[in-house]
C-alpha cells in the first residue's frame, strides 16, 4: 500500500500578524507545528502500513523551516518526506496550493491512497484536499471519522454528518480527509527523529523546476482568488451594563431601543416576567 500524507506546518500561536500589502500570514518568527488534523491522517497512514505493509510518504509545502514538520512526521513513522519550498509558491490560494501539490504527486508516481486533515487551523477552508482530488481526478471522501476496512482495491469509511454518519465504500486510489476523532496520534520516536536529522530517512526538497511548473501557474500569480483587504477586528465592548432593580433596568433598556418592533417585543417579554 503506497500512501501519501499531506502535512502542513502551521503557527503554534494565536498571536498572528498579516502583511497589510498582500494579506498573507507573516510566518517569520512563529513557532510551527504539524497541523493537528494532519497528525491524525499521518497516524492512520502509519497504522495501515503496519497492518498491510507498504510505504508512507509525507508531502508538505511551505518555507524552509517546514522541514521541521517533515522531520517530526518521519519520527511518527513516515518512511520519507518531500518538502515543496520555493519563493514562487508564496501567497498561493487553495487552488494554487492544490495544483502545486498535484504536480508533486504526479512526480511521485504510483499511489493507492492520499490522506490529509479536513482543514488547517490557519486557514480553515477545508478546500485543498477536495481540490487536489479534483485535479488528480480520483474519488474523495471528506470528514472521515473512521476507516472500517481497507484492502488493495477499496476502503469502507464512516463520514461524519451533522446528526450521525454515513458509511461509504470507495474505490482506490482515492483521497480521504480526516477529522480529529479518527484516532489518537502517537508521539515521535527519538530514534526515528535522529534518523531524519542524519539523512538515514530522506527528506527531499523540491522547487518549482523540480516538479515541472512555471512561476506564473503557482503562488500568488497562479491563484484564482486574491485578498483585497485585511484588517484586525475591533474587540472593544459595545453598549453598557444596566445595574439596579429589574424594573428600572427594563425601563432604561426600552428607552434606548429605537426599533419599534424590538421595543414591543421587549415590553411583551417584561410583562410576562415576574419582577420582584
Protein backbone atom coordinates (compact mmCIF):
# COMPACT_ATOMS: atom_id res chain seq x y z
CA UNK A 1 0.00 0.00 0.00
CA UNK A 2 1.56 3.27 -1.18
CA UNK A 3 0.20 6.13 0.92
CA UNK A 4 0.81 9.87 0.58
CA UNK A 5 0.01 12.08 3.57
CA UNK A 6 -0.35 15.84 3.15
CA UNK A 7 1.19 17.65 6.11
CA UNK A 8 1.15 21.39 6.69
CA UNK A 9 3.21 23.32 9.21
CA UNK A 10 1.02 25.91 10.94
CA UNK A 11 1.76 28.58 13.57
CA UNK A 12 1.57 27.39 17.16
CA UNK A 13 0.07 30.65 18.40
CA UNK A 14 -2.99 32.85 18.14
CA UNK A 15 -0.82 35.96 18.04
CA UNK A 16 -0.51 36.05 14.27
CA UNK A 17 0.03 39.08 12.05
CA UNK A 18 -0.94 39.78 8.46
CA UNK A 19 1.03 41.58 5.80
CA UNK A 20 -1.06 44.72 5.17
CA UNK A 21 0.01 44.83 1.50
CA UNK A 22 -0.51 41.19 0.45
CA UNK A 23 -2.90 39.94 3.11
CA UNK A 24 -0.66 36.92 3.68
CA UNK A 25 0.19 35.49 7.07
CA UNK A 26 3.57 36.64 8.38
CA UNK A 27 5.19 33.37 9.47
CA UNK A 28 8.66 34.67 10.33
CA UNK A 29 9.47 34.21 13.99
CA UNK A 30 6.43 31.99 14.68
CA UNK A 31 6.87 28.53 16.19
CA UNK A 32 5.48 25.92 13.82
CA UNK A 33 3.67 22.64 14.50
CA UNK A 34 2.11 19.95 12.33
CA UNK A 35 -1.49 20.90 11.65
CA UNK A 36 -3.49 18.92 14.27
CA UNK A 37 -5.81 17.06 11.90
CA UNK A 38 -2.87 16.20 9.63
CA UNK A 39 -1.40 14.32 12.59
CA UNK A 40 -4.49 12.12 12.64
CA UNK A 41 -4.09 11.50 8.91
CA UNK A 42 -0.45 10.51 9.45
CA UNK A 43 -1.38 8.19 12.32
CA UNK A 44 -3.96 6.49 10.10
CA UNK A 45 -1.39 6.04 7.32
CA UNK A 46 1.22 4.54 9.65
CA UNK A 47 -1.40 2.19 11.13
CA UNK A 48 -2.40 0.99 7.65
CA UNK A 49 1.27 0.44 6.79
CA UNK A 50 1.80 -1.58 9.97
CA UNK A 51 -1.28 -3.68 9.19
CA UNK A 52 -0.95 -4.18 5.43
CA UNK A 53 2.63 -3.28 4.64
CA UNK A 54 3.75 -0.64 2.18
CA UNK A 55 5.26 2.82 2.45
CA UNK A 56 4.16 6.21 3.80
CA UNK A 57 5.38 9.36 2.05
CA UNK A 58 4.77 12.77 3.53
CA UNK A 59 4.22 15.72 1.20
CA UNK A 60 4.39 19.27 2.54
CA UNK A 61 4.54 22.75 1.07
CA UNK A 62 5.97 25.76 2.82
CA UNK A 63 9.08 27.77 3.71
CA UNK A 64 12.37 26.11 4.58
CA UNK A 65 11.50 25.84 8.29
CA UNK A 66 8.68 23.44 7.38
CA UNK A 67 11.40 20.78 7.23
CA UNK A 68 10.81 20.51 10.99
CA UNK A 69 7.30 19.20 10.32
CA UNK A 70 8.73 16.67 7.86
CA UNK A 71 11.27 15.56 10.45
CA UNK A 72 8.57 15.04 13.07
CA UNK A 73 6.45 13.14 10.54
CA UNK A 74 9.30 10.71 9.96
CA UNK A 75 9.65 10.42 13.70
CA UNK A 76 5.99 9.38 13.85
CA UNK A 77 6.51 6.61 11.31
CA UNK A 78 6.63 8.05 7.78
CA UNK A 79 9.27 6.47 5.54
CA UNK A 80 10.24 9.61 3.64
CA UNK A 81 9.17 13.20 3.14
CA UNK A 82 9.09 15.75 0.33
CA UNK A 83 9.02 19.47 1.05
CA UNK A 84 7.91 21.82 -1.71
CA UNK A 85 9.75 25.04 -0.97
CA UNK A 86 10.23 27.89 -3.42
CA UNK A 87 9.55 31.61 -3.16
CA UNK A 88 7.41 31.18 -6.26
CA UNK A 89 4.95 29.14 -4.15
CA UNK A 90 4.38 32.01 -1.69
CA UNK A 91 0.93 33.58 -1.45
CA UNK A 92 -0.86 30.63 -3.03
CA UNK A 93 -4.60 30.35 -2.53
CA UNK A 94 -6.20 26.93 -2.08
CA UNK A 95 -6.38 26.19 -5.80
CA UNK A 96 -2.76 27.16 -6.50
CA UNK A 97 -1.74 25.07 -3.49
CA UNK A 98 -3.72 22.06 -4.72
CA UNK A 99 -2.26 22.47 -8.22
CA UNK A 100 1.30 22.55 -6.85
CA UNK A 101 0.68 19.51 -4.65
CA UNK A 102 -0.92 17.74 -7.61
CA UNK A 103 2.18 18.27 -9.73
CA UNK A 104 4.29 16.85 -6.92
CA UNK A 105 2.01 13.81 -6.63
CA UNK A 106 2.38 13.24 -10.37
CA UNK A 107 6.15 13.29 -9.95
CA UNK A 108 5.92 10.80 -7.08
CA UNK A 109 4.04 8.47 -9.38
CA UNK A 110 2.06 5.44 -8.23
CA UNK A 111 -0.03 5.73 -5.08
CA UNK A 112 -3.01 3.92 -3.58
CA UNK A 113 -4.26 6.43 -1.05
CA UNK A 114 -3.87 10.10 -0.13
CA UNK A 115 -4.69 11.14 3.43
CA UNK A 116 -4.90 14.64 4.85
CA UNK A 117 -6.58 16.56 7.64
CA UNK A 118 -10.00 18.04 6.98
CA UNK A 119 -8.63 21.58 7.23
CA UNK A 120 -5.71 23.63 8.53
CA UNK A 121 -6.10 25.76 11.65
CA UNK A 122 -4.51 28.79 9.98
CA UNK A 123 -6.88 28.89 7.02
CA UNK A 124 -9.95 26.83 7.96
CA UNK A 125 -11.06 26.48 4.34
CA UNK A 126 -11.18 22.65 4.06
CA UNK A 127 -10.66 23.10 0.31
CA UNK A 128 -7.14 21.88 -0.51
CA UNK A 129 -7.87 18.17 -0.10
CA UNK A 130 -11.01 18.15 -2.28
CA UNK A 131 -9.36 20.40 -4.89
CA UNK A 132 -6.36 18.06 -5.07
CA UNK A 133 -8.68 15.09 -5.61
CA UNK A 134 -10.43 17.04 -8.35
CA UNK A 135 -7.10 17.85 -10.02
CA UNK A 136 -5.98 14.20 -9.87
CA UNK A 137 -9.46 13.01 -10.96
CA UNK A 138 -9.77 10.45 -8.15
CA UNK A 139 -12.62 9.67 -5.72
CA UNK A 140 -12.73 11.55 -2.44
CA UNK A 141 -14.43 11.22 0.93
CA UNK A 142 -14.33 14.13 3.37
CA UNK A 143 -14.90 14.31 7.14
CA UNK A 144 -13.82 10.70 7.69
CA UNK A 145 -14.33 9.72 11.33
CA UNK A 146 -13.48 6.02 10.99
CA UNK A 147 -11.75 3.74 8.49
CA UNK A 148 -13.57 0.44 8.88
CA UNK A 149 -11.96 -1.71 6.20
CA UNK A 150 -9.06 -1.34 3.80
CA UNK A 151 -7.72 -3.61 1.07
CA UNK A 152 -5.74 -3.17 -2.13
CA UNK A 153 -8.73 -2.05 -4.20
CA UNK A 154 -11.23 -0.31 -1.93
CA UNK A 155 -11.94 1.07 1.53
CA UNK A 156 -15.07 1.44 3.66
CA UNK A 157 -15.24 4.53 5.86
CA UNK A 158 -17.65 6.40 8.08
CA UNK A 159 -18.19 10.01 7.09
CA UNK A 160 -19.35 12.40 9.82
CA UNK A 161 -22.68 14.14 9.31
CA UNK A 162 -24.38 16.76 11.45
CA UNK A 163 -26.67 14.21 13.11
CA UNK A 164 -24.81 10.94 12.63
CA UNK A 165 -22.67 9.38 9.92
CA UNK A 166 -22.87 7.68 6.55
CA UNK A 167 -20.95 4.56 5.56
CA UNK A 168 -19.23 4.85 2.16
CA UNK A 169 -17.37 2.27 0.13
CA UNK A 170 -14.76 3.94 -2.04
CA UNK A 171 -12.57 2.53 -4.79
CA UNK A 172 -8.82 3.14 -4.65
CA UNK A 173 -6.83 5.18 -5.46
CA UNK A 174 -8.71 7.82 -3.50
CA UNK A 175 -8.26 10.82 -1.22
CA UNK A 176 -9.65 10.94 2.32
CA UNK A 177 -9.80 13.99 4.58
CA UNK A 178 -10.00 13.01 8.24
CA UNK A 179 -11.21 14.61 11.46
CA UNK A 180 -9.78 14.60 14.96
CA UNK A 181 -11.95 11.78 16.34
CA UNK A 182 -10.41 9.24 13.94
CA UNK A 183 -7.60 8.13 16.24
CA UNK A 184 -5.01 9.18 18.79
CA UNK A 185 -1.73 10.19 17.12
CA UNK A 186 1.43 8.65 18.52
CA UNK A 187 4.44 10.60 19.72
CA UNK A 188 7.52 10.83 17.54
CA UNK A 189 10.13 8.13 18.23
CA UNK A 190 13.52 9.52 19.25
CA UNK A 191 15.46 7.05 17.13
CA UNK A 192 13.48 7.92 14.01
CA UNK A 193 13.93 11.63 14.70
CA UNK A 194 17.68 11.06 14.80
CA UNK A 195 17.47 9.13 11.53
CA UNK A 196 15.59 12.04 9.94
CA UNK A 197 18.21 14.52 11.11
CA UNK A 198 21.11 12.36 9.89
CA UNK A 199 19.63 11.70 6.43
CA UNK A 200 19.01 7.97 7.08
CA UNK A 201 15.36 8.72 6.38
CA UNK A 202 15.46 11.07 3.39
CA UNK A 203 13.78 14.47 3.28
CA UNK A 204 13.79 15.83 -0.26
CA UNK A 205 13.28 19.50 -1.07
CA UNK A 206 11.72 20.32 -4.45
CA UNK A 207 11.42 23.73 -6.09
CA UNK A 208 9.17 24.80 -8.96
CA UNK A 209 11.51 23.46 -11.63
CA UNK A 210 11.75 20.07 -9.90
CA UNK A 211 8.00 19.45 -10.27
CA UNK A 212 7.79 20.98 -13.75
CA UNK A 213 5.76 24.13 -13.10
CA UNK A 214 6.30 27.73 -14.16
CA UNK A 215 6.05 30.56 -11.68
CA UNK A 216 3.02 32.09 -13.39
CA UNK A 217 0.97 28.96 -12.54
CA UNK A 218 1.78 28.80 -8.82
CA UNK A 219 1.90 31.03 -5.77
CA UNK A 220 0.26 34.42 -5.84
CA UNK A 221 0.45 34.66 -9.66
CA UNK A 222 -1.32 31.36 -10.16
CA UNK A 223 -4.04 31.98 -7.58
CA UNK A 224 -7.65 32.26 -8.75
CA UNK A 225 -8.58 34.38 -5.74
CA UNK A 226 -6.91 37.47 -4.32
CA UNK A 227 -7.13 39.07 -0.88
CA UNK A 228 -8.42 42.61 -1.43
CA UNK A 229 -8.34 43.79 2.17
CA UNK A 230 -7.28 42.61 5.60
CA UNK A 231 -7.98 44.14 8.97
CA UNK A 232 -7.89 43.34 12.67
CA UNK A 233 -11.38 43.16 14.20
CA UNK A 234 -12.17 45.68 16.92
CA UNK A 235 -12.97 43.71 20.05
CA UNK A 236 -13.94 46.77 22.09
CA UNK A 237 -17.03 46.04 24.14
CA UNK A 238 -20.10 47.92 22.94
CA UNK A 239 -23.05 49.20 24.99
CA UNK A 240 -23.27 49.20 28.78
CA UNK A 241 -24.36 47.01 31.65
CA UNK A 242 -27.63 48.00 33.28
CA UNK A 243 -27.45 47.73 37.08
CA UNK A 244 -30.10 48.24 39.72
CA UNK A 245 -33.61 46.80 40.16
CA UNK A 246 -35.01 44.73 37.29
CA UNK A 247 -37.93 47.12 36.70
CA UNK A 248 -35.55 50.06 36.34
CA UNK A 249 -33.18 48.14 34.06
CA UNK A 250 -36.02 47.08 31.75
CA UNK A 251 -37.39 50.62 31.59
CA UNK A 252 -33.99 52.07 30.73
CA UNK A 253 -33.46 49.36 28.08
CA UNK A 254 -36.77 50.19 26.42
CA UNK A 255 -35.89 53.89 26.31
CA UNK A 256 -32.71 53.09 24.41
CA UNK A 257 -34.30 50.87 21.80
CA UNK A 258 -35.15 52.83 18.69
CA UNK A 259 -36.70 49.96 16.73
CA UNK A 260 -40.43 49.88 17.50
CA UNK A 261 -40.77 46.14 16.80
CA UNK A 262 -37.92 45.39 19.18
CA UNK A 263 -39.43 47.69 21.78
CA UNK A 264 -42.80 45.95 21.53
CA UNK A 265 -41.11 42.57 21.92
CA UNK A 266 -39.20 43.74 24.99
CA UNK A 267 -42.36 45.17 26.57
CA UNK A 268 -44.15 41.89 25.99
CA UNK A 269 -41.24 39.98 27.49
CA UNK A 270 -41.10 42.30 30.53
CA UNK A 271 -44.82 41.93 31.09
CA UNK A 272 -44.51 38.16 31.15
CA UNK A 273 -41.70 38.20 33.73
CA UNK A 274 -42.39 38.09 37.42
CA UNK A 275 -40.42 41.09 38.64
CA UNK A 276 -39.77 41.35 42.31
